Amino acid sequence: YRGAEYVVDFLPKIKIEIVTATDDVERVIDAIVKSAKTGKIGDG
């Protein structure tokens, strides 16, 4: 930044919270994994 190097210790992320019935947990997890996955470090 303006010729000076600095360390970014904390990276921006998004936290999503969902309350769901116990029976729906696997469907919700699968939907999140399939849509959020990039295959690179830091996917979450």
All heavy atoms as atom14 arrays in JSON, in Angstrom:
{
  "sequence": "YRGAEYVVDFLPKIKIEIVTATDDVERVIDAIVKSAKTGKIGDG",
  "atom14_mask": [
    [1, 1, 1, 1, 1, 1, 1, 1, 1, 1, 1, 1, 0, 0],
    [1, 1, 1, 1, 1, 1, 1, 1, 1, 1, 1, 0, 0, 0],
    [1, 1, 1, 1, 0, 0, 0, 0, 0, 0, 0, 0, 0, 0],
    [1, 1, 1, 1, 1, 0, 0, 0, 0, 0, 0, 0, 0, 0],
    [1, 1, 1, 1, 1, 1, 1, 1, 1, 0, 0, 0, 0, 0],
    [1, 1, 1, 1, 1, 1, 1, 1, 1, 1, 1, 1, 0, 0],
    [1, 1, 1, 1, 1, 1, 1, 0, 0, 0, 0, 0, 0, 0],
    [1, 1, 1, 1, 1, 1, 1, 0, 0, 0, 0, 0, 0, 0],
    [1, 1, 1, 1, 1, 1, 1, 1, 0, 0, 0, 0, 0, 0],
    [1, 1, 1, 1, 1, 1, 1, 1, 1, 1, 1, 0, 0, 0],
    [1, 1, 1, 1, 1, 1, 1, 1, 0, 0, 0, 0, 0, 0],
    [1, 1, 1, 1, 1, 1, 1, 0, 0, 0, 0, 0, 0, 0],
    [1, 1, 1, 1, 1, 1, 1, 1, 1, 0, 0, 0, 0, 0],
    [1, 1, 1, 1, 1, 1, 1, 1, 0, 0, 0, 0, 0, 0],
    [1, 1, 1, 1, 1, 1, 1, 1, 1, 0, 0, 0, 0, 0],
    [1, 1, 1, 1, 1, 1, 1, 1, 0, 0, 0, 0, 0, 0],
    [1, 1, 1, 1, 1, 1, 1, 1, 1, 0, 0, 0, 0, 0],
    [1, 1, 1, 1, 1, 1, 1, 1, 0, 0, 0, 0, 0, 0],
    [1, 1, 1, 1, 1, 1, 1, 0, 0, 0, 0, 0, 0, 0],
    [1, 1, 1, 1, 1, 1, 1, 0, 0, 0, 0, 0, 0, 0],
    [1, 1, 1, 1, 1, 0, 0, 0, 0, 0, 0, 0, 0, 0],
    [1, 1, 1, 1, 1, 1, 1, 0, 0, 0, 0, 0, 0, 0],
    [1, 1, 1, 1, 1, 1, 1, 1, 0, 0, 0, 0, 0, 0],
    [1, 1, 1, 1, 1, 1, 1, 1, 0, 0, 0, 0, 0, 0],
    [1, 1, 1, 1, 1, 1, 1, 0, 0, 0, 0, 0, 0, 0],
    [1, 1, 1, 1, 1, 1, 1, 1, 1, 0, 0, 0, 0, 0],
    [1, 1, 1, 1, 1, 1, 1, 1, 1, 1, 1, 0, 0, 0],
    [1, 1, 1, 1, 1, 1, 1, 0, 0, 0, 0, 0, 0, 0],
    [1, 1, 1, 1, 1, 1, 1, 1, 0, 0, 0, 0, 0, 0],
    [1, 1, 1, 1, 1, 1, 1, 1, 0, 0, 0, 0, 0, 0],
    [1, 1, 1, 1, 1, 0, 0, 0, 0, 0, 0, 0, 0, 0],
    [1, 1, 1, 1, 1, 1, 1, 1, 0, 0, 0, 0, 0, 0],
    [1, 1, 1, 1, 1, 1, 1, 0, 0, 0, 0, 0, 0, 0],
    [1, 1, 1, 1, 1, 1, 1, 1, 1, 0, 0, 0, 0, 0],
    [1, 1, 1, 1, 1, 1, 0, 0, 0, 0, 0, 0, 0, 0],
    [1, 1, 1, 1, 1, 0, 0, 0, 0, 0, 0, 0, 0, 0],
    [1, 1, 1, 1, 1, 1, 1, 1, 1, 0, 0, 0, 0, 0],
    [1, 1, 1, 1, 1, 1, 1, 0, 0, 0, 0, 0, 0, 0],
    [1, 1, 1, 1, 0, 0, 0, 0, 0, 0, 0, 0, 0, 0],
    [1, 1, 1, 1, 1, 1, 1, 1, 1, 0, 0, 0, 0, 0],
    [1, 1, 1, 1, 1, 1, 1, 1, 0, 0, 0, 0, 0, 0],
    [1, 1, 1, 1, 0, 0, 0, 0, 0, 0, 0, 0, 0, 0],
    [1, 1, 1, 1, 1, 1, 1, 1, 0, 0, 0, 0, 0, 0],
    [1, 1, 1, 1, 0, 0, 0, 0, 0, 0, 0, 0, 0, 0]
  ],
  "atom14_positions": [
    [[0.85, -1.17, 0.0], [0.0, 0.0, 0.0], [0.9, 1.23, 0.0], [1.67, 1.44, 0.93], [-0.93, 0.01, 1.21], [-1.84, 1.22, 1.27], [-2.9, 1.34, 0.38], [-1.6, 2.24, 2.18], [-3.73, 2.44, 0.41], [-2.44, 3.36, 2.22], [-3.49, 3.45, 1.34], [-4.31, 4.56, 1.37], [0.0, 0.0, 0.0], [0.0, 0.0, 0.0]],
    [[0.82, 2.0, -1.07], [1.65, 3.2, -1.24], [3.13, 2.91, -1.0], [3.83, 3.64, -0.3], [1.17, 4.31, -0.32], [-0.21, 4.8, -0.69], [-0.59, 6.01, 0.11], [-1.9, 6.48, -0.34], [-2.52, 7.51, 0.18], [-1.96, 8.2, 1.15], [-3.68, 7.88, -0.27], [0.0, 0.0, 0.0], [0.0, 0.0, 0.0], [0.0, 0.0, 0.0]],
    [[3.57, 1.8, -1.57], [4.98, 1.46, -1.5], [5.41, 0.76, -0.23], [6.56, 0.34, -0.11], [0.0, 0.0, 0.0], [0.0, 0.0, 0.0], [0.0, 0.0, 0.0], [0.0, 0.0, 0.0], [0.0, 0.0, 0.0], [0.0, 0.0, 0.0], [0.0, 0.0, 0.0], [0.0, 0.0, 0.0], [0.0, 0.0, 0.0], [0.0, 0.0, 0.0]],
    [[4.53, 0.64, 0.75], [4.89, -0.02, 2.0], [4.23, -1.4, 2.06], [3.06, -1.55, 1.73], [4.45, 0.82, 3.19], [0.0, 0.0, 0.0], [0.0, 0.0, 0.0], [0.0, 0.0, 0.0], [0.0, 0.0, 0.0], [0.0, 0.0, 0.0], [0.0, 0.0, 0.0], [0.0, 0.0, 0.0], [0.0, 0.0, 0.0], [0.0, 0.0, 0.0]],
    [[4.99, -2.37, 2.47], [4.46, -3.73, 2.6], [3.88, -3.91, 4.0], [4.47, -3.47, 4.99], [5.58, -4.74, 2.37], [5.09, -6.17, 2.28], [6.21, -7.13, 1.89], [6.67, -7.07, 0.75], [6.6, -7.91, 2.77], [0.0, 0.0, 0.0], [0.0, 0.0, 0.0], [0.0, 0.0, 0.0], [0.0, 0.0, 0.0], [0.0, 0.0, 0.0]],
    [[2.72, -4.51, 4.09], [2.13, -4.79, 5.4], [1.46, -6.15, 5.38], [1.13, -6.68, 4.34], [1.15, -3.68, 5.82], [-0.09, -3.59, 4.97], [-1.29, -4.16, 5.39], [-0.09, -2.91, 3.75], [-2.43, -4.07, 4.62], [-1.22, -2.82, 2.97], [-2.38, -3.4, 3.41], [-3.51, -3.33, 2.64], [0.0, 0.0, 0.0], [0.0, 0.0, 0.0]],
    [[1.29, -6.7, 6.57], [0.73, -8.05, 6.71], [-0.76, -7.96, 7.0], [-1.19, -7.2, 7.86], [1.44, -8.8, 7.86], [0.81, -10.18, 8.07], [2.93, -8.93, 7.57], [0.0, 0.0, 0.0], [0.0, 0.0, 0.0], [0.0, 0.0, 0.0], [0.0, 0.0, 0.0], [0.0, 0.0, 0.0], [0.0, 0.0, 0.0], [0.0, 0.0, 0.0]],
    [[-1.54, -8.75, 6.27], [-2.97, -8.88, 6.52], [-3.14, -10.2, 7.29], [-3.07, -11.27, 6.7], [-3.78, -8.89, 5.21], [-5.26, -9.08, 5.5], [-3.53, -7.62, 4.42], [0.0, 0.0, 0.0], [0.0, 0.0, 0.0], [0.0, 0.0, 0.0], [0.0, 0.0, 0.0], [0.0, 0.0, 0.0], [0.0, 0.0, 0.0], [0.0, 0.0, 0.0]],
    [[-3.28, -10.09, 8.62], [-3.37, -11.29, 9.45], [-4.74, -11.97, 9.35], [-4.85, -13.18, 9.4], [-3.11, -10.95, 10.91], [-1.66, -10.58, 11.15], [-0.79, -11.1, 10.43], [-1.39, -9.78, 12.05], [0.0, 0.0, 0.0], [0.0, 0.0, 0.0], [0.0, 0.0, 0.0], [0.0, 0.0, 0.0], [0.0, 0.0, 0.0], [0.0, 0.0, 0.0]],
    [[-5.79, -11.16, 9.27], [-7.14, -11.68, 9.25], [-7.77, -11.44, 7.89], [-7.79, -10.32, 7.4], [-7.99, -11.03, 10.34], [-7.49, -11.32, 11.72], [-6.72, -10.4, 12.41], [-7.76, -12.54, 12.32], [-6.25, -10.68, 13.68], [-7.3, -12.83, 13.59], [-6.54, -11.9, 14.27], [0.0, 0.0, 0.0], [0.0, 0.0, 0.0], [0.0, 0.0, 0.0]],
    [[-8.29, -12.51, 7.3], [-8.88, -12.43, 5.98], [-10.39, -12.26, 6.09], [-11.01, -12.83, 6.99], [-8.55, -13.69, 5.19], [-7.05, -13.95, 5.02], [-6.82, -15.31, 4.41], [-6.43, -12.87, 4.15], [0.0, 0.0, 0.0], [0.0, 0.0, 0.0], [0.0, 0.0, 0.0], [0.0, 0.0, 0.0], [0.0, 0.0, 0.0], [0.0, 0.0, 0.0]],
    [[-11.0, -11.51, 5.17], [-12.45, -11.35, 5.21], [-13.16, -12.65, 4.86], [-12.78, -13.34, 3.92], [-12.73, -10.27, 4.17], [-11.55, -10.27, 3.27], [-10.39, -10.76, 4.07], [0.0, 0.0, 0.0], [0.0, 0.0, 0.0], [0.0, 0.0, 0.0], [0.0, 0.0, 0.0], [0.0, 0.0, 0.0], [0.0, 0.0, 0.0], [0.0, 0.0, 0.0]],
    [[-14.16, -12.98, 5.64], [-14.97, -14.18, 5.43], [-16.43, -13.82, 5.68], [-16.74, -12.76, 6.19], [-14.56, -15.31, 6.39], [-13.12, -15.77, 6.27], [-12.9, -16.55, 5.01], [-11.45, -17.03, 4.93], [-11.22, -17.81, 3.74], [0.0, 0.0, 0.0], [0.0, 0.0, 0.0], [0.0, 0.0, 0.0], [0.0, 0.0, 0.0], [0.0, 0.0, 0.0]],
    [[-17.32, -14.74, 5.34], [-18.75, -14.6, 5.6], [-19.17, -15.74, 6.51], [-18.83, -16.9, 6.26], [-19.57, -14.64, 4.29], [-19.24, -13.47, 3.39], [-21.06, -14.71, 4.58], [-19.69, -12.12, 3.9], [0.0, 0.0, 0.0], [0.0, 0.0, 0.0], [0.0, 0.0, 0.0], [0.0, 0.0, 0.0], [0.0, 0.0, 0.0], [0.0, 0.0, 0.0]],
    [[-19.91, -15.42, 7.56], [-20.46, -16.44, 8.45], [-21.95, -16.53, 8.21], [-22.66, -15.53, 8.28], [-20.18, -16.1, 9.92], [-20.76, -17.15, 10.87], [-20.23, -17.01, 12.28], [-20.91, -15.92, 13.04], [-20.58, -15.94, 14.48], [0.0, 0.0, 0.0], [0.0, 0.0, 0.0], [0.0, 0.0, 0.0], [0.0, 0.0, 0.0], [0.0, 0.0, 0.0]],
    [[-22.42, -17.74, 7.89], [-23.84, -18.0, 7.66], [-24.33, -18.9, 8.79], [-23.69, -19.91, 9.09], [-24.06, -18.7, 6.31], [-23.53, -17.83, 5.17], [-25.54, -19.03, 6.11], [-23.51, -18.53, 3.84], [0.0, 0.0, 0.0], [0.0, 0.0, 0.0], [0.0, 0.0, 0.0], [0.0, 0.0, 0.0], [0.0, 0.0, 0.0], [0.0, 0.0, 0.0]],
    [[-25.46, -18.52, 9.39], [-26.05, -19.33, 10.45], [-27.47, -19.72, 10.05], [-28.26, -18.87, 9.64], [-26.07, -18.56, 11.76], [-24.67, -18.24, 12.27], [-24.68, -17.3, 13.45], [-25.19, -16.18, 13.32], [-24.18, -17.72, 14.51], [0.0, 0.0, 0.0], [0.0, 0.0, 0.0], [0.0, 0.0, 0.0], [0.0, 0.0, 0.0], [0.0, 0.0, 0.0]],
    [[-27.77, -21.01, 10.18], [-29.08, -21.55, 9.81], [-29.54, -22.49, 10.91], [-28.79, -23.38, 11.32], [-28.99, -22.35, 8.49], [-28.41, -21.5, 7.38], [-30.35, -22.93, 8.12], [-27.82, -22.29, 6.25], [0.0, 0.0, 0.0], [0.0, 0.0, 0.0], [0.0, 0.0, 0.0], [0.0, 0.0, 0.0], [0.0, 0.0, 0.0], [0.0, 0.0, 0.0]],
    [[-30.76, -22.31, 11.39], [-31.36, -23.28, 12.31], [-32.32, -24.12, 11.49], [-33.17, -23.58, 10.78], [-32.08, -22.58, 13.48], [-32.79, -23.6, 14.35], [-31.11, -21.75, 14.3], [0.0, 0.0, 0.0], [0.0, 0.0, 0.0], [0.0, 0.0, 0.0], [0.0, 0.0, 0.0], [0.0, 0.0, 0.0], [0.0, 0.0, 0.0], [0.0, 0.0, 0.0]],
    [[-32.16, -25.43, 11.58], [-32.97, -26.33, 10.77], [-33.35, -27.57, 11.55], [-32.74, -27.88, 12.58], [-32.22, -26.7, 9.47], [-33.09, -27.4, 8.6], [-31.0, -27.54, 9.75], [0.0, 0.0, 0.0], [0.0, 0.0, 0.0], [0.0, 0.0, 0.0], [0.0, 0.0, 0.0], [0.0, 0.0, 0.0], [0.0, 0.0, 0.0], [0.0, 0.0, 0.0]],
    [[-34.33, -28.3, 11.06], [-34.72, -29.57, 11.66], [-33.57, -30.55, 11.52], [-32.82, -30.53, 10.54], [-35.97, -30.11, 10.97], [0.0, 0.0, 0.0], [0.0, 0.0, 0.0], [0.0, 0.0, 0.0], [0.0, 0.0, 0.0], [0.0, 0.0, 0.0], [0.0, 0.0, 0.0], [0.0, 0.0, 0.0], [0.0, 0.0, 0.0], [0.0, 0.0, 0.0]],
    [[-33.43, -31.43, 12.48], [-32.35, -32.41, 12.48], [-32.36, -33.25, 11.21], [-31.3, -33.59, 10.67], [-32.46, -33.32, 13.73], [-32.43, -32.47, 14.89], [-31.32, -34.3, 13.82], [0.0, 0.0, 0.0], [0.0, 0.0, 0.0], [0.0, 0.0, 0.0], [0.0, 0.0, 0.0], [0.0, 0.0, 0.0], [0.0, 0.0, 0.0], [0.0, 0.0, 0.0]],
    [[-33.53, -33.57, 10.69], [-33.64, -34.39, 9.47], [-33.09, -33.69, 8.23], [-32.73, -34.36, 7.25], [-35.1, -34.76, 9.21], [-35.68, -35.63, 10.32], [-34.89, -36.22, 11.09], [-36.91, -35.72, 10.41], [0.0, 0.0, 0.0], [0.0, 0.0, 0.0], [0.0, 0.0, 0.0], [0.0, 0.0, 0.0], [0.0, 0.0, 0.0], [0.0, 0.0, 0.0]],
    [[-33.02, -32.36, 8.24], [-32.59, -31.6, 7.06], [-31.11, -31.23, 7.08], [-30.61, -30.62, 6.13], [-33.41, -30.32, 6.94], [-34.87, -30.6, 6.66], [-35.17, -31.66, 6.08], [-35.72, -29.75, 7.03], [0.0, 0.0, 0.0], [0.0, 0.0, 0.0], [0.0, 0.0, 0.0], [0.0, 0.0, 0.0], [0.0, 0.0, 0.0], [0.0, 0.0, 0.0]],
    [[-30.39, -31.6, 8.12], [-29.0, -31.17, 8.28], [-28.13, -31.59, 7.11], [-27.38, -30.77, 6.55], [-28.41, -31.68, 9.62], [-26.91, -31.46, 9.68], [-29.08, -30.98, 10.79], [0.0, 0.0, 0.0], [0.0, 0.0, 0.0], [0.0, 0.0, 0.0], [0.0, 0.0, 0.0], [0.0, 0.0, 0.0], [0.0, 0.0, 0.0], [0.0, 0.0, 0.0]],
    [[-28.19, -32.83, 6.7], [-27.33, -33.32, 5.61], [-27.61, -32.6, 4.3], [-26.68, -32.29, 3.55], [-27.45, -34.83, 5.46], [-26.85, -35.61, 6.61], [-25.4, -35.27, 6.9], [-24.61, -35.11, 5.93], [-25.04, -35.13, 8.08], [0.0, 0.0, 0.0], [0.0, 0.0, 0.0], [0.0, 0.0, 0.0], [0.0, 0.0, 0.0], [0.0, 0.0, 0.0]],
    [[-28.89, -32.33, 3.99], [-29.22, -31.61, 2.75], [-28.65, -30.2, 2.78], [-28.14, -29.72, 1.77], [-30.74, -31.54, 2.57], [-31.36, -32.85, 2.19], [-32.86, -32.79, 1.92], [-33.59, -31.75, 2.62], [-34.26, -30.76, 2.02], [-34.3, -30.67, 0.71], [-34.92, -29.88, 2.73], [0.0, 0.0, 0.0], [0.0, 0.0, 0.0], [0.0, 0.0, 0.0]],
    [[-28.74, -29.54, 3.93], [-28.21, -28.18, 4.05], [-26.69, -28.19, 3.91], [-26.11, -27.37, 3.17], [-28.64, -27.53, 5.39], [-27.94, -26.2, 5.61], [-30.15, -27.36, 5.43], [0.0, 0.0, 0.0], [0.0, 0.0, 0.0], [0.0, 0.0, 0.0], [0.0, 0.0, 0.0], [0.0, 0.0, 0.0], [0.0, 0.0, 0.0], [0.0, 0.0, 0.0]],
    [[-26.03, -29.11, 4.57], [-24.57, -29.21, 4.48], [-24.15, -29.48, 3.04], [-23.23, -28.84, 2.52], [-24.03, -30.3, 5.42], [-24.18, -29.85, 6.88], [-22.58, -30.63, 5.11], [-23.87, -30.94, 7.89], [0.0, 0.0, 0.0], [0.0, 0.0, 0.0], [0.0, 0.0, 0.0], [0.0, 0.0, 0.0], [0.0, 0.0, 0.0], [0.0, 0.0, 0.0]],
    [[-24.81, -30.41, 2.37], [-24.46, -30.73, 0.98], [-24.62, -29.5, 0.08], [-23.77, -29.24, -0.78], [-25.34, -31.86, 0.45], [-24.97, -33.21, 1.04], [-23.86, -33.34, 1.61], [-25.8, -34.14, 0.94], [0.0, 0.0, 0.0], [0.0, 0.0, 0.0], [0.0, 0.0, 0.0], [0.0, 0.0, 0.0], [0.0, 0.0, 0.0], [0.0, 0.0, 0.0]],
    [[-25.69, -28.74, 0.27], [-25.92, -27.55, -0.55], [-24.82, -26.52, -0.32], [-24.32, -25.9, -1.27], [-27.28, -26.94, -0.23], [0.0, 0.0, 0.0], [0.0, 0.0, 0.0], [0.0, 0.0, 0.0], [0.0, 0.0, 0.0], [0.0, 0.0, 0.0], [0.0, 0.0, 0.0], [0.0, 0.0, 0.0], [0.0, 0.0, 0.0], [0.0, 0.0, 0.0]],
    [[-24.4, -26.34, 0.93], [-23.34, -25.37, 1.24], [-22.02, -25.82, 0.63], [-21.32, -25.04, -0.03], [-23.2, -25.16, 2.75], [-24.46, -24.49, 3.33], [-21.97, -24.3, 3.07], [-24.53, -24.48, 4.84], [0.0, 0.0, 0.0], [0.0, 0.0, 0.0], [0.0, 0.0, 0.0], [0.0, 0.0, 0.0], [0.0, 0.0, 0.0], [0.0, 0.0, 0.0]],
    [[-21.67, -27.08, 0.84], [-20.39, -27.59, 0.33], [-20.32, -27.48, -1.2], [-19.33, -27.0, -1.75], [-20.15, -29.05, 0.78], [-18.97, -29.67, 0.04], [-19.93, -29.1, 2.28], [0.0, 0.0, 0.0], [0.0, 0.0, 0.0], [0.0, 0.0, 0.0], [0.0, 0.0, 0.0], [0.0, 0.0, 0.0], [0.0, 0.0, 0.0], [0.0, 0.0, 0.0]],
    [[-21.36, -27.92, -1.88], [-21.35, -27.89, -3.35], [-21.27, -26.47, -3.9], [-20.62, -26.22, -4.91], [-22.59, -28.59, -3.9], [-22.53, -30.09, -3.75], [-23.8, -30.74, -4.23], [-23.73, -32.25, -4.0], [-25.0, -32.92, -4.26], [0.0, 0.0, 0.0], [0.0, 0.0, 0.0], [0.0, 0.0, 0.0], [0.0, 0.0, 0.0], [0.0, 0.0, 0.0]],
    [[-21.91, -25.52, -3.24], [-21.93, -24.16, -3.78], [-20.77, -23.29, -3.3], [-20.42, -22.31, -3.95], [-23.26, -23.48, -3.43], [-23.46, -23.47, -2.04], [0.0, 0.0, 0.0], [0.0, 0.0, 0.0], [0.0, 0.0, 0.0], [0.0, 0.0, 0.0], [0.0, 0.0, 0.0], [0.0, 0.0, 0.0], [0.0, 0.0, 0.0], [0.0, 0.0, 0.0]],
    [[-20.11, -23.65, -2.19], [-19.03, -22.82, -1.66], [-17.64, -23.33, -2.04], [-16.66, -22.6, -1.9], [-19.14, -22.73, -0.13], [0.0, 0.0, 0.0], [0.0, 0.0, 0.0], [0.0, 0.0, 0.0], [0.0, 0.0, 0.0], [0.0, 0.0, 0.0], [0.0, 0.0, 0.0], [0.0, 0.0, 0.0], [0.0, 0.0, 0.0], [0.0, 0.0, 0.0]],
    [[-17.56, -24.54, -2.53], [-16.26, -25.16, -2.79], [-15.58, -24.59, -4.03], [-16.19, -24.5, -5.09], [-16.44, -26.67, -2.96], [-15.16, -27.42, -3.14], [-15.42, -28.91, -3.2], [-14.11, -29.65, -3.3], [-14.33, -31.1, -3.26], [0.0, 0.0, 0.0], [0.0, 0.0, 0.0], [0.0, 0.0, 0.0], [0.0, 0.0, 0.0], [0.0, 0.0, 0.0]],
    [[-14.32, -24.18, -3.86], [-13.48, -23.77, -4.99], [-12.35, -24.77, -5.2], [-11.71, -24.76, -6.23], [-12.87, -22.37, -4.78], [-11.93, -22.44, -3.69], [-13.92, -21.33, -4.51], [0.0, 0.0, 0.0], [0.0, 0.0, 0.0], [0.0, 0.0, 0.0], [0.0, 0.0, 0.0], [0.0, 0.0, 0.0], [0.0, 0.0, 0.0], [0.0, 0.0, 0.0]],
    [[-12.07, -25.58, -4.18], [-10.97, -26.52, -4.26], [-9.64, -25.93, -3.83], [-8.61, -26.58, -3.88], [0.0, 0.0, 0.0], [0.0, 0.0, 0.0], [0.0, 0.0, 0.0], [0.0, 0.0, 0.0], [0.0, 0.0, 0.0], [0.0, 0.0, 0.0], [0.0, 0.0, 0.0], [0.0, 0.0, 0.0], [0.0, 0.0, 0.0], [0.0, 0.0, 0.0]],
    [[-9.67, -24.69, -3.37], [-8.45, -24.01, -2.94], [-8.48, -23.8, -1.43], [-9.54, -23.8, -0.8], [-8.31, -22.68, -3.65], [-8.17, -22.84, -5.15], [-7.87, -21.54, -5.82], [-7.57, -21.82, -7.27], [-8.37, -21.1, -8.18], [0.0, 0.0, 0.0], [0.0, 0.0, 0.0], [0.0, 0.0, 0.0], [0.0, 0.0, 0.0], [0.0, 0.0, 0.0]],
    [[-7.32, -23.57, -0.86], [-7.23, -23.32, 0.57], [-8.08, -22.11, 0.94], [-8.17, -21.15, 0.17], [-5.74, -23.15, 1.0], [-5.61, -23.24, 2.51], [-5.18, -21.86, 0.46], [-4.17, -23.42, 2.97], [0.0, 0.0, 0.0], [0.0, 0.0, 0.0], [0.0, 0.0, 0.0], [0.0, 0.0, 0.0], [0.0, 0.0, 0.0], [0.0, 0.0, 0.0]],
    [[-8.73, -22.18, 2.09], [-9.55, -21.06, 2.54], [-11.02, -21.15, 2.17], [-11.76, -20.2, 2.33], [0.0, 0.0, 0.0], [0.0, 0.0, 0.0], [0.0, 0.0, 0.0], [0.0, 0.0, 0.0], [0.0, 0.0, 0.0], [0.0, 0.0, 0.0], [0.0, 0.0, 0.0], [0.0, 0.0, 0.0], [0.0, 0.0, 0.0], [0.0, 0.0, 0.0]],
    [[-11.45, -22.31, 1.66], [-12.86, -22.48, 1.3], [-13.78, -22.36, 2.51], [-14.94, -21.99, 2.37], [-13.11, -23.82, 0.61], [-12.83, -23.78, -0.88], [-12.61, -22.67, -1.41], [-12.86, -24.84, -1.51], [0.0, 0.0, 0.0], [0.0, 0.0, 0.0], [0.0, 0.0, 0.0], [0.0, 0.0, 0.0], [0.0, 0.0, 0.0], [0.0, 0.0, 0.0]],
    [[-13.29, -22.7, 3.7], [-14.07, -22.49, 4.9], [-14.35, -23.75, 5.69], [-13.76, -24.81, 5.44], [0.0, 0.0, 0.0], [0.0, 0.0, 0.0], [0.0, 0.0, 0.0], [0.0, 0.0, 0.0], [0.0, 0.0, 0.0], [0.0, 0.0, 0.0], [0.0, 0.0, 0.0], [0.0, 0.0, 0.0], [0.0, 0.0, 0.0], [0.0, 0.0, 0.0]]
  ]
}
